[in-house]
Amino acid sequence: MGTGARWSRSGDPAGCPRGPLRSAARGAGRRPARLPGRPAGAAFTPYHGGSRGTAFTLIEILIVVAIFSLLAMVGLQQLTRMRITTNEQLALVSLRLIAKSCHWFNTVNQRYPLTLAELGSPGSSPPYIEDAMLLSGAKQGYVFAYTPEAGPTPAAFALNVNPQVHGQTGERHFLVDETLTVYFTKLDLNATTSDLTVP
């Protein structure tokens, strides 16, 4: 038998004094305790604080911001296009109403009105148009410029209808006269009788 240390029943080397050295000697022959819930033989991964899997880098954040900015830009363009289309349709409805009201006025008075105000109250009773905003010459992003023929009893008129801000409140510029023909142009200027007509 070798000359190694003799062991007592308590598992301590015989002759080892009590204290830190004896406790170290006792722990030297034992296996380390397995952590609860951890399979035997599993590798231990030290915790370094924080998890890369749940963090965002600056590049990822910039990409997300760029995507949202692009979507917002596309949405704004679509919104502007819808507003322009709506304004143009309402402008067509309004200018045709004014033109027909001028004809009714002419049938009763044997002349066309001198101003748009004559189509409303108290210029006409009953009024041909009750929309005070339209009679004021501006509505829904468009300006209505009425020009009667010179003289106290005009036999013709022209009504130019232009967007307040070209490209933002409307794109098409309109013209209607006593023939009830509607002309339009997409240029930023008054439409004339040489332009295309609206069906």
N, C-alpha and C. Protein backbone atom coordinates (compact mmCIF):
# COMPACT_ATOMS: atom_id res chain seq x y z
N MET A 1 0.84 -1.19 0.00
CA MET A 1 0.00 0.00 0.00
C MET A 1 0.88 1.24 0.00
N GLY A 2 0.43 2.31 -0.64
CA GLY A 2 1.26 3.52 -0.75
C GLY A 2 1.37 4.24 0.55
N THR A 3 2.14 5.26 0.55
CA THR A 3 2.39 6.04 1.76
C THR A 3 1.55 7.28 1.80
N GLY A 4 0.41 7.30 1.01
CA GLY A 4 -0.43 8.49 0.98
C GLY A 4 -1.11 8.73 2.30
N ALA A 5 -1.86 9.81 2.40
CA ALA A 5 -2.51 10.18 3.65
C ALA A 5 -3.60 9.21 3.96
N ARG A 6 -3.78 8.91 5.27
CA ARG A 6 -4.88 8.06 5.71
C ARG A 6 -6.14 8.90 5.84
N TRP A 7 -7.30 8.29 5.50
CA TRP A 7 -8.59 9.01 5.51
C TRP A 7 -9.44 8.50 6.66
N SER A 8 -10.10 9.40 7.29
CA SER A 8 -11.00 9.04 8.39
C SER A 8 -12.37 8.75 7.84
N ARG A 9 -13.30 8.31 8.71
CA ARG A 9 -14.66 8.04 8.29
C ARG A 9 -15.38 9.29 7.80
N SER A 10 -15.04 10.43 8.28
CA SER A 10 -15.71 11.68 7.88
C SER A 10 -15.26 12.14 6.50
N GLY A 11 -14.30 11.44 5.88
CA GLY A 11 -13.83 11.83 4.55
C GLY A 11 -12.69 12.81 4.60
N ASP A 12 -12.18 13.13 5.81
CA ASP A 12 -11.08 14.07 5.93
C ASP A 12 -9.77 13.30 6.00
N PRO A 13 -8.76 13.83 5.39
CA PRO A 13 -7.44 13.18 5.55
C PRO A 13 -7.06 13.16 7.00
N ALA A 14 -6.59 12.01 7.39
CA ALA A 14 -6.19 11.90 8.79
C ALA A 14 -5.06 12.84 9.09
N GLY A 15 -5.15 13.43 10.17
CA GLY A 15 -4.10 14.32 10.60
C GLY A 15 -4.19 15.71 10.03
N CYS A 16 -5.21 15.98 9.19
CA CYS A 16 -5.34 17.31 8.61
C CYS A 16 -5.99 18.23 9.62
N PRO A 17 -5.39 19.31 9.96
CA PRO A 17 -5.96 20.19 10.98
C PRO A 17 -7.25 20.82 10.50
N ARG A 18 -8.16 21.12 11.43
CA ARG A 18 -9.40 21.79 11.08
C ARG A 18 -9.11 23.23 10.63
N GLY A 19 -9.99 23.75 9.82
CA GLY A 19 -9.79 25.12 9.34
C GLY A 19 -9.87 25.17 7.82
N PRO A 20 -9.43 26.27 7.22
CA PRO A 20 -9.51 26.45 5.77
C PRO A 20 -8.83 25.36 4.99
N LEU A 21 -7.66 24.92 5.45
CA LEU A 21 -6.95 23.88 4.71
C LEU A 21 -7.72 22.59 4.72
N ARG A 22 -8.35 22.27 5.85
CA ARG A 22 -9.11 21.03 5.93
C ARG A 22 -10.35 21.09 5.05
N SER A 23 -11.01 22.27 5.01
CA SER A 23 -12.20 22.42 4.16
C SER A 23 -11.82 22.30 2.70
N ALA A 24 -10.69 22.84 2.31
CA ALA A 24 -10.24 22.74 0.93
C ALA A 24 -9.93 21.31 0.57
N ALA A 25 -9.38 20.61 1.48
CA ALA A 25 -9.06 19.21 1.23
C ALA A 25 -10.32 18.39 1.05
N ARG A 26 -11.34 18.70 1.84
CA ARG A 26 -12.59 17.95 1.73
C ARG A 26 -13.25 18.21 0.39
N GLY A 27 -13.21 19.49 -0.09
CA GLY A 27 -13.87 19.82 -1.36
C GLY A 27 -13.11 19.33 -2.56
N ALA A 28 -11.82 18.98 -2.39
CA ALA A 28 -11.02 18.60 -3.55
C ALA A 28 -11.49 17.31 -4.16
N GLY A 29 -12.07 16.47 -3.42
CA GLY A 29 -12.46 15.18 -3.97
C GLY A 29 -13.90 15.09 -4.38
N ARG A 30 -14.64 16.20 -4.31
CA ARG A 30 -16.06 16.19 -4.66
C ARG A 30 -16.31 16.79 -6.03
N ARG A 31 -17.39 16.31 -6.69
CA ARG A 31 -17.80 16.89 -7.96
C ARG A 31 -18.56 18.20 -7.73
N PRO A 32 -18.41 19.15 -8.65
CA PRO A 32 -19.18 20.40 -8.49
C PRO A 32 -20.66 20.16 -8.64
N ALA A 33 -21.46 20.87 -7.87
CA ALA A 33 -22.93 20.69 -7.90
C ALA A 33 -23.48 21.14 -9.26
N ARG A 34 -24.45 20.36 -9.79
CA ARG A 34 -25.10 20.71 -11.06
C ARG A 34 -26.19 21.73 -10.82
N LEU A 35 -26.23 22.77 -11.70
CA LEU A 35 -27.24 23.83 -11.55
C LEU A 35 -28.62 23.28 -11.81
N PRO A 36 -29.63 23.74 -11.08
CA PRO A 36 -31.01 23.26 -11.31
C PRO A 36 -31.46 23.59 -12.73
N GLY A 37 -32.14 22.64 -13.39
CA GLY A 37 -32.68 22.87 -14.72
C GLY A 37 -31.65 22.80 -15.82
N ARG A 38 -30.40 22.45 -15.50
CA ARG A 38 -29.35 22.40 -16.52
C ARG A 38 -28.98 20.95 -16.74
N PRO A 39 -29.09 20.44 -17.99
CA PRO A 39 -28.78 19.03 -18.25
C PRO A 39 -27.32 18.73 -17.94
N ALA A 40 -27.13 17.49 -17.56
CA ALA A 40 -25.78 17.08 -17.22
C ALA A 40 -24.88 17.13 -18.45
N GLY A 41 -23.67 17.62 -18.29
CA GLY A 41 -22.73 17.69 -19.39
C GLY A 41 -22.89 18.89 -20.30
N ALA A 42 -23.92 19.76 -20.03
CA ALA A 42 -24.13 20.93 -20.89
C ALA A 42 -23.02 21.94 -20.67
N ALA A 43 -22.60 22.56 -21.77
CA ALA A 43 -21.53 23.54 -21.68
C ALA A 43 -22.01 24.79 -20.98
N PHE A 44 -21.18 25.40 -20.21
CA PHE A 44 -21.53 26.60 -19.47
C PHE A 44 -21.13 27.83 -20.29
N THR A 45 -22.11 28.72 -20.50
CA THR A 45 -21.85 29.96 -21.25
C THR A 45 -21.90 31.13 -20.30
N PRO A 46 -20.83 31.83 -20.13
CA PRO A 46 -20.83 32.97 -19.19
C PRO A 46 -21.74 34.09 -19.67
N TYR A 47 -22.37 34.82 -18.78
CA TYR A 47 -23.25 35.95 -19.08
C TYR A 47 -22.44 37.24 -19.11
N HIS A 48 -22.52 37.94 -20.22
CA HIS A 48 -21.74 39.16 -20.38
C HIS A 48 -22.58 40.42 -20.25
N GLY A 49 -23.88 40.28 -19.96
CA GLY A 49 -24.73 41.46 -19.82
C GLY A 49 -25.30 41.89 -21.15
N GLY A 50 -26.62 41.83 -21.32
CA GLY A 50 -27.25 42.22 -22.58
C GLY A 50 -27.26 41.06 -23.56
N SER A 51 -28.11 41.16 -24.57
CA SER A 51 -28.24 40.09 -25.56
C SER A 51 -28.20 40.71 -26.95
N ARG A 52 -27.31 40.26 -27.78
CA ARG A 52 -27.20 40.80 -29.15
C ARG A 52 -28.44 40.47 -29.97
N GLY A 53 -29.12 39.36 -29.63
CA GLY A 53 -30.27 38.94 -30.43
C GLY A 53 -31.45 39.89 -30.35
N THR A 54 -31.55 40.71 -29.31
CA THR A 54 -32.70 41.60 -29.15
C THR A 54 -32.34 43.07 -29.34
N ALA A 55 -31.14 43.37 -29.74
CA ALA A 55 -30.70 44.76 -29.92
C ALA A 55 -30.74 45.14 -31.40
N PHE A 56 -30.85 46.46 -31.69
CA PHE A 56 -30.84 46.98 -33.05
C PHE A 56 -29.58 47.80 -33.25
N THR A 57 -28.97 47.61 -34.38
CA THR A 57 -27.80 48.43 -34.70
C THR A 57 -28.27 49.74 -35.32
N LEU A 58 -27.36 50.69 -35.43
CA LEU A 58 -27.68 51.98 -36.03
C LEU A 58 -28.09 51.82 -37.49
N ILE A 59 -27.44 50.92 -38.21
CA ILE A 59 -27.78 50.68 -39.61
C ILE A 59 -29.21 50.17 -39.74
N GLU A 60 -29.61 49.25 -38.88
CA GLU A 60 -30.97 48.71 -38.93
C GLU A 60 -32.00 49.79 -38.64
N ILE A 61 -31.71 50.65 -37.68
CA ILE A 61 -32.63 51.74 -37.36
C ILE A 61 -32.75 52.71 -38.53
N LEU A 62 -31.63 53.03 -39.18
CA LEU A 62 -31.66 53.93 -40.33
C LEU A 62 -32.45 53.34 -41.49
N ILE A 63 -32.34 52.05 -41.68
CA ILE A 63 -33.10 51.38 -42.75
C ILE A 63 -34.58 51.47 -42.48
N VAL A 64 -34.99 51.23 -41.24
CA VAL A 64 -36.41 51.32 -40.88
C VAL A 64 -36.93 52.74 -41.08
N VAL A 65 -36.15 53.73 -40.65
CA VAL A 65 -36.55 55.13 -40.82
C VAL A 65 -36.69 55.47 -42.30
N ALA A 66 -35.77 54.98 -43.14
CA ALA A 66 -35.83 55.25 -44.58
C ALA A 66 -37.07 54.63 -45.20
N ILE A 67 -37.43 53.42 -44.77
CA ILE A 67 -38.63 52.75 -45.30
C ILE A 67 -39.88 53.53 -44.93
N PHE A 68 -39.97 53.96 -43.68
CA PHE A 68 -41.15 54.73 -43.26
C PHE A 68 -41.21 56.08 -43.98
N SER A 69 -40.07 56.70 -44.22
CA SER A 69 -40.06 57.97 -44.94
C SER A 69 -40.54 57.79 -46.38
N LEU A 70 -40.13 56.68 -47.01
CA LEU A 70 -40.56 56.40 -48.38
C LEU A 70 -42.06 56.16 -48.43
N LEU A 71 -42.58 55.40 -47.47
CA LEU A 71 -44.02 55.14 -47.43
C LEU A 71 -44.80 56.43 -47.21
N ALA A 72 -44.29 57.30 -46.34
CA ALA A 72 -44.97 58.57 -46.08
C ALA A 72 -44.98 59.44 -47.33
N MET A 73 -43.87 59.43 -48.07
CA MET A 73 -43.78 60.24 -49.30
C MET A 73 -44.78 59.75 -50.34
N VAL A 74 -44.86 58.42 -50.51
CA VAL A 74 -45.81 57.85 -51.48
C VAL A 74 -47.24 58.17 -51.06
N GLY A 75 -47.52 58.03 -49.76
CA GLY A 75 -48.87 58.35 -49.28
C GLY A 75 -49.23 59.81 -49.48
N LEU A 76 -48.26 60.71 -49.28
CA LEU A 76 -48.52 62.14 -49.47
C LEU A 76 -48.79 62.45 -50.94
N GLN A 77 -48.05 61.81 -51.82
CA GLN A 77 -48.29 62.02 -53.25
C GLN A 77 -49.67 61.54 -53.67
N GLN A 78 -50.07 60.40 -53.14
CA GLN A 78 -51.41 59.88 -53.46
C GLN A 78 -52.49 60.80 -52.90
N LEU A 79 -52.27 61.33 -51.71
CA LEU A 79 -53.24 62.24 -51.11
C LEU A 79 -53.37 63.51 -51.93
N THR A 80 -52.23 64.05 -52.40
CA THR A 80 -52.26 65.26 -53.23
C THR A 80 -52.98 65.00 -54.54
N ARG A 81 -52.72 63.84 -55.15
CA ARG A 81 -53.40 63.50 -56.40
C ARG A 81 -54.90 63.38 -56.21
N MET A 82 -55.33 62.77 -55.12
CA MET A 82 -56.76 62.64 -54.84
C MET A 82 -57.40 64.01 -54.63
N ARG A 83 -56.69 64.90 -53.93
CA ARG A 83 -57.24 66.23 -53.68
C ARG A 83 -57.36 67.02 -54.98
N ILE A 84 -56.35 66.91 -55.85
CA ILE A 84 -56.40 67.61 -57.13
C ILE A 84 -57.57 67.11 -57.97
N THR A 85 -57.74 65.79 -58.03
CA THR A 85 -58.84 65.22 -58.82
C THR A 85 -60.19 65.67 -58.29
N THR A 86 -60.34 65.67 -56.96
CA THR A 86 -61.61 66.10 -56.35
C THR A 86 -61.88 67.56 -56.64
N ASN A 87 -60.86 68.41 -56.48
CA ASN A 87 -61.04 69.85 -56.74
C ASN A 87 -61.42 70.11 -58.19
N GLU A 88 -60.81 69.40 -59.12
CA GLU A 88 -61.12 69.61 -60.53
C GLU A 88 -62.55 69.20 -60.86
N GLN A 89 -62.99 68.09 -60.30
CA GLN A 89 -64.37 67.65 -60.55
C GLN A 89 -65.38 68.65 -59.98
N LEU A 90 -65.11 69.14 -58.78
CA LEU A 90 -66.01 70.14 -58.18
C LEU A 90 -65.98 71.45 -58.96
N ALA A 91 -64.80 71.81 -59.49
CA ALA A 91 -64.71 73.03 -60.30
C ALA A 91 -65.54 72.90 -61.57
N LEU A 92 -65.52 71.72 -62.20
CA LEU A 92 -66.34 71.50 -63.40
C LEU A 92 -67.82 71.61 -63.09
N VAL A 93 -68.23 71.01 -61.97
CA VAL A 93 -69.65 71.09 -61.57
C VAL A 93 -70.04 72.55 -61.33
N SER A 94 -69.18 73.30 -60.64
CA SER A 94 -69.50 74.69 -60.30
C SER A 94 -69.53 75.59 -61.54
N LEU A 95 -68.57 75.42 -62.45
CA LEU A 95 -68.56 76.30 -63.63
C LEU A 95 -69.75 76.01 -64.54
N ARG A 96 -70.18 74.77 -64.61
CA ARG A 96 -71.36 74.46 -65.42
C ARG A 96 -72.62 75.03 -64.78
N LEU A 97 -72.66 75.01 -63.45
CA LEU A 97 -73.80 75.61 -62.75
C LEU A 97 -73.86 77.11 -63.03
N ILE A 98 -72.70 77.78 -62.98
CA ILE A 98 -72.66 79.22 -63.25
C ILE A 98 -73.08 79.51 -64.69
N ALA A 99 -72.55 78.72 -65.63
CA ALA A 99 -72.87 78.95 -67.05
C ALA A 99 -74.37 78.78 -67.32
N LYS A 100 -74.97 77.74 -66.76
CA LYS A 100 -76.41 77.52 -66.97
C LYS A 100 -77.23 78.60 -66.27
N SER A 101 -76.76 79.04 -65.10
CA SER A 101 -77.47 80.11 -64.40
C SER A 101 -77.41 81.42 -65.20
N CYS A 102 -76.29 81.66 -65.87
CA CYS A 102 -76.18 82.85 -66.73
C CYS A 102 -77.18 82.77 -67.88
N HIS A 103 -77.40 81.60 -68.41
CA HIS A 103 -78.36 81.44 -69.50
C HIS A 103 -79.79 81.69 -69.00
N TRP A 104 -80.12 81.17 -67.82
CA TRP A 104 -81.45 81.41 -67.27
C TRP A 104 -81.64 82.90 -66.99
N PHE A 105 -80.58 83.53 -66.46
CA PHE A 105 -80.63 84.96 -66.21
C PHE A 105 -80.86 85.72 -67.52
N ASN A 106 -80.18 85.32 -68.57
CA ASN A 106 -80.33 85.97 -69.87
C ASN A 106 -81.73 85.79 -70.44
N THR A 107 -82.32 84.62 -70.20
CA THR A 107 -83.68 84.36 -70.70
C THR A 107 -84.68 85.32 -70.05
N VAL A 108 -84.48 85.63 -68.78
CA VAL A 108 -85.41 86.51 -68.06
C VAL A 108 -85.11 87.98 -68.31
N ASN A 109 -83.83 88.35 -68.35
CA ASN A 109 -83.43 89.77 -68.40
C ASN A 109 -82.92 90.23 -69.77
N GLN A 110 -82.85 89.34 -70.74
CA GLN A 110 -82.35 89.66 -72.08
C GLN A 110 -80.92 90.20 -72.05
N ARG A 111 -80.17 89.76 -71.12
CA ARG A 111 -78.75 90.10 -71.02
C ARG A 111 -78.11 89.13 -70.03
N TYR A 112 -76.80 89.05 -70.10
CA TYR A 112 -76.07 88.23 -69.13
C TYR A 112 -75.71 89.09 -67.92
N PRO A 113 -75.52 88.47 -66.77
CA PRO A 113 -75.22 89.27 -65.56
C PRO A 113 -73.91 90.03 -65.69
N LEU A 114 -73.87 91.16 -65.01
CA LEU A 114 -72.65 91.96 -65.01
C LEU A 114 -71.60 91.40 -64.05
N THR A 115 -72.07 90.77 -63.00
CA THR A 115 -71.18 90.14 -62.01
C THR A 115 -71.81 88.82 -61.57
N LEU A 116 -71.01 87.99 -60.92
CA LEU A 116 -71.55 86.74 -60.37
C LEU A 116 -72.56 87.03 -59.26
N ALA A 117 -72.37 88.12 -58.56
CA ALA A 117 -73.27 88.44 -57.45
C ALA A 117 -74.71 88.60 -57.92
N GLU A 118 -74.92 88.99 -59.17
CA GLU A 118 -76.28 89.16 -59.68
C GLU A 118 -77.05 87.84 -59.77
N LEU A 119 -76.33 86.75 -59.76
CA LEU A 119 -76.99 85.44 -59.83
C LEU A 119 -77.52 85.02 -58.47
N GLY A 120 -77.10 85.69 -57.41
CA GLY A 120 -77.56 85.35 -56.06
C GLY A 120 -78.52 86.39 -55.52
N SER A 121 -78.79 86.27 -54.24
CA SER A 121 -79.68 87.22 -53.57
C SER A 121 -78.83 88.35 -52.99
N PRO A 122 -79.28 89.60 -53.11
CA PRO A 122 -80.58 90.08 -53.63
C PRO A 122 -80.56 90.44 -55.11
N GLY A 123 -79.50 90.09 -55.83
CA GLY A 123 -79.44 90.44 -57.25
C GLY A 123 -80.54 89.79 -58.05
N SER A 124 -80.93 88.60 -57.68
CA SER A 124 -82.01 87.87 -58.35
C SER A 124 -82.94 87.30 -57.30
N SER A 125 -84.22 87.33 -57.58
CA SER A 125 -85.20 86.78 -56.66
C SER A 125 -86.23 85.96 -57.46
N PRO A 126 -86.25 84.66 -57.27
CA PRO A 126 -85.36 83.89 -56.40
C PRO A 126 -83.96 83.80 -56.98
N PRO A 127 -82.96 83.53 -56.15
CA PRO A 127 -81.58 83.47 -56.64
C PRO A 127 -81.34 82.25 -57.52
N TYR A 128 -80.50 82.41 -58.51
CA TYR A 128 -80.13 81.28 -59.36
C TYR A 128 -79.09 80.39 -58.66
N ILE A 129 -78.26 81.02 -57.85
CA ILE A 129 -77.24 80.28 -57.09
C ILE A 129 -77.30 80.77 -55.64
N GLU A 130 -77.34 79.83 -54.71
CA GLU A 130 -77.41 80.19 -53.29
C GLU A 130 -76.08 80.00 -52.58
N ASP A 131 -75.09 79.48 -53.27
CA ASP A 131 -73.78 79.24 -52.68
C ASP A 131 -73.00 80.56 -52.63
N ALA A 132 -72.96 81.18 -51.45
CA ALA A 132 -72.29 82.48 -51.31
C ALA A 132 -70.79 82.38 -51.58
N MET A 133 -70.17 81.26 -51.20
CA MET A 133 -68.74 81.09 -51.45
C MET A 133 -68.44 81.05 -52.94
N LEU A 134 -69.28 80.35 -53.68
CA LEU A 134 -69.08 80.28 -55.13
C LEU A 134 -69.28 81.64 -55.78
N LEU A 135 -70.29 82.37 -55.33
CA LEU A 135 -70.55 83.70 -55.89
C LEU A 135 -69.44 84.70 -55.55
N SER A 136 -68.69 84.40 -54.48
CA SER A 136 -67.58 85.30 -54.12
C SER A 136 -66.38 85.12 -55.06
N GLY A 137 -66.38 84.03 -55.83
CA GLY A 137 -65.34 83.83 -56.82
C GLY A 137 -64.24 82.87 -56.44
N ALA A 138 -64.40 82.13 -55.35
CA ALA A 138 -63.37 81.15 -54.95
C ALA A 138 -64.04 80.00 -54.20
N LYS A 139 -63.66 78.77 -54.58
CA LYS A 139 -64.22 77.61 -53.89
C LYS A 139 -63.36 76.38 -54.18
N GLN A 140 -63.10 75.62 -53.13
CA GLN A 140 -62.43 74.31 -53.23
C GLN A 140 -61.15 74.36 -54.05
N GLY A 141 -60.28 75.33 -53.75
CA GLY A 141 -58.98 75.39 -54.40
C GLY A 141 -58.98 76.02 -55.78
N TYR A 142 -60.12 76.56 -56.22
CA TYR A 142 -60.20 77.18 -57.55
C TYR A 142 -60.73 78.61 -57.45
N VAL A 143 -60.31 79.43 -58.40
CA VAL A 143 -60.75 80.82 -58.49
C VAL A 143 -61.61 80.98 -59.75
N PHE A 144 -62.78 81.62 -59.60
CA PHE A 144 -63.73 81.80 -60.70
C PHE A 144 -63.72 83.28 -61.12
N ALA A 145 -63.22 83.54 -62.32
CA ALA A 145 -63.12 84.92 -62.82
C ALA A 145 -64.14 85.11 -63.95
N TYR A 146 -65.19 85.86 -63.64
CA TYR A 146 -66.29 86.09 -64.60
C TYR A 146 -66.06 87.40 -65.35
N THR A 147 -66.13 87.34 -66.68
CA THR A 147 -65.93 88.53 -67.51
C THR A 147 -67.08 88.65 -68.51
N PRO A 148 -68.00 89.62 -68.30
CA PRO A 148 -69.09 89.80 -69.27
C PRO A 148 -68.62 90.63 -70.46
N GLU A 149 -69.37 90.58 -71.51
CA GLU A 149 -69.10 91.44 -72.66
C GLU A 149 -69.26 92.90 -72.25
N ALA A 150 -68.47 93.77 -72.85
CA ALA A 150 -68.53 95.19 -72.48
C ALA A 150 -69.90 95.77 -72.83
N GLY A 151 -70.34 96.70 -71.98
CA GLY A 151 -71.62 97.36 -72.22
C GLY A 151 -72.62 97.04 -71.13
N PRO A 152 -73.71 97.82 -71.06
CA PRO A 152 -74.71 97.62 -70.00
C PRO A 152 -75.58 96.37 -70.21
N THR A 153 -75.64 95.89 -71.43
CA THR A 153 -76.44 94.69 -71.70
C THR A 153 -75.58 93.66 -72.43
N PRO A 154 -74.70 93.01 -71.69
CA PRO A 154 -73.79 92.06 -72.34
C PRO A 154 -74.53 90.90 -73.00
N ALA A 155 -74.08 90.55 -74.20
CA ALA A 155 -74.67 89.44 -74.93
C ALA A 155 -73.74 88.22 -74.93
N ALA A 156 -72.66 88.28 -74.22
CA ALA A 156 -71.72 87.16 -74.13
C ALA A 156 -70.95 87.26 -72.81
N PHE A 157 -70.30 86.21 -72.46
CA PHE A 157 -69.48 86.21 -71.24
C PHE A 157 -68.40 85.14 -71.36
N ALA A 158 -67.43 85.23 -70.50
CA ALA A 158 -66.38 84.21 -70.38
C ALA A 158 -66.11 83.98 -68.89
N LEU A 159 -65.96 82.74 -68.53
CA LEU A 159 -65.68 82.39 -67.14
C LEU A 159 -64.41 81.55 -67.10
N ASN A 160 -63.35 82.14 -66.59
CA ASN A 160 -62.08 81.41 -66.41
C ASN A 160 -62.02 80.84 -65.00
N VAL A 161 -61.71 79.58 -64.92
CA VAL A 161 -61.64 78.88 -63.63
C VAL A 161 -60.24 78.29 -63.51
N ASN A 162 -59.47 78.84 -62.59
CA ASN A 162 -58.06 78.45 -62.44
C ASN A 162 -57.77 77.97 -61.02
N PRO A 163 -56.85 77.01 -60.86
CA PRO A 163 -56.46 76.58 -59.50
C PRO A 163 -55.75 77.70 -58.76
N GLN A 164 -56.01 77.76 -57.46
CA GLN A 164 -55.33 78.78 -56.65
C GLN A 164 -53.82 78.57 -56.64
N VAL A 165 -53.39 77.33 -56.56
CA VAL A 165 -51.96 77.00 -56.63
C VAL A 165 -51.81 75.87 -57.65
N HIS A 166 -51.23 76.22 -58.78
CA HIS A 166 -51.09 75.23 -59.86
C HIS A 166 -50.24 74.04 -59.40
N GLY A 167 -50.78 72.84 -59.62
CA GLY A 167 -50.05 71.63 -59.24
C GLY A 167 -50.32 71.17 -57.83
N GLN A 168 -50.98 72.00 -57.01
CA GLN A 168 -51.29 71.62 -55.63
C GLN A 168 -52.79 71.56 -55.38
N THR A 169 -53.51 72.61 -55.76
CA THR A 169 -54.98 72.58 -55.60
C THR A 169 -55.67 72.17 -56.89
N GLY A 170 -54.92 72.09 -57.98
CA GLY A 170 -55.49 71.68 -59.26
C GLY A 170 -54.43 71.77 -60.35
N GLU A 171 -54.66 71.04 -61.43
CA GLU A 171 -53.73 71.06 -62.56
C GLU A 171 -54.36 71.67 -63.80
N ARG A 172 -55.64 71.42 -64.01
CA ARG A 172 -56.28 71.91 -65.22
C ARG A 172 -56.90 73.30 -65.02
N HIS A 173 -56.76 74.12 -66.03
CA HIS A 173 -57.36 75.45 -66.07
C HIS A 173 -58.53 75.40 -67.06
N PHE A 174 -59.68 75.94 -66.67
CA PHE A 174 -60.90 75.80 -67.48
C PHE A 174 -61.38 77.16 -68.00
N LEU A 175 -62.17 77.06 -69.06
CA LEU A 175 -62.87 78.22 -69.61
C LEU A 175 -64.22 77.76 -70.12
N VAL A 176 -65.27 78.52 -69.79
CA VAL A 176 -66.60 78.27 -70.34
C VAL A 176 -67.17 79.61 -70.79
N ASP A 177 -67.92 79.59 -71.88
CA ASP A 177 -68.53 80.84 -72.38
C ASP A 177 -70.02 80.62 -72.60
N GLU A 178 -70.65 81.58 -73.30
CA GLU A 178 -72.11 81.51 -73.48
C GLU A 178 -72.55 80.32 -74.33
N THR A 179 -71.63 79.67 -75.02
CA THR A 179 -71.98 78.47 -75.80
C THR A 179 -72.05 77.22 -74.92
N LEU A 180 -71.68 77.36 -73.65
CA LEU A 180 -71.62 76.27 -72.67
C LEU A 180 -70.54 75.24 -72.99
N THR A 181 -69.64 75.59 -73.89
CA THR A 181 -68.51 74.71 -74.19
C THR A 181 -67.41 74.94 -73.15
N VAL A 182 -66.87 73.85 -72.63
CA VAL A 182 -65.83 73.95 -71.60
C VAL A 182 -64.49 73.58 -72.22
N TYR A 183 -63.53 74.47 -72.11
CA TYR A 183 -62.18 74.25 -72.61
C TYR A 183 -61.23 74.10 -71.41
N PHE A 184 -60.11 73.42 -71.66
CA PHE A 184 -59.14 73.28 -70.56
C PHE A 184 -57.72 73.18 -71.09
N THR A 185 -56.78 73.52 -70.22
CA THR A 185 -55.37 73.36 -70.49
C THR A 185 -54.67 72.97 -69.19
N LYS A 186 -53.57 72.22 -69.32
CA LYS A 186 -52.78 71.84 -68.14
C LYS A 186 -51.60 72.78 -67.93
N LEU A 187 -51.48 73.77 -68.81
CA LEU A 187 -50.44 74.78 -68.62
C LEU A 187 -50.88 75.78 -67.56
N ASP A 188 -49.91 76.43 -66.94
CA ASP A 188 -50.22 77.38 -65.88
C ASP A 188 -50.59 78.74 -66.46
N LEU A 189 -51.72 78.76 -67.18
CA LEU A 189 -52.23 80.00 -67.77
C LEU A 189 -53.70 79.82 -68.09
N ASN A 190 -54.37 80.93 -68.46
CA ASN A 190 -55.79 80.86 -68.76
C ASN A 190 -56.06 79.99 -69.98
N ALA A 191 -57.12 79.17 -69.88
CA ALA A 191 -57.54 78.39 -71.04
C ALA A 191 -58.20 79.32 -72.06
N THR A 192 -58.11 78.92 -73.32
CA THR A 192 -58.71 79.72 -74.41
C THR A 192 -59.59 78.80 -75.26
N THR A 193 -60.31 79.40 -76.20
CA THR A 193 -61.19 78.61 -77.07
C THR A 193 -60.41 77.76 -78.07
N SER A 194 -59.11 77.90 -78.12
CA SER A 194 -58.30 77.07 -79.00
C SER A 194 -57.78 75.81 -78.29
N ASP A 195 -58.08 75.68 -76.99
CA ASP A 195 -57.62 74.51 -76.23
C ASP A 195 -58.59 73.35 -76.40
N LEU A 196 -58.23 72.22 -75.80
CA LEU A 196 -59.07 71.03 -75.84
C LEU A 196 -60.36 71.28 -75.07
N THR A 197 -61.39 70.53 -75.43
CA THR A 197 -62.70 70.68 -74.76
C THR A 197 -62.94 69.50 -73.83
N VAL A 198 -63.71 69.76 -72.79
CA VAL A 198 -64.11 68.70 -71.86
C VAL A 198 -65.37 68.05 -72.39
N PRO A 199 -65.38 66.72 -72.52
CA PRO A 199 -66.59 66.05 -73.06
C PRO A 199 -67.81 66.33 -72.20
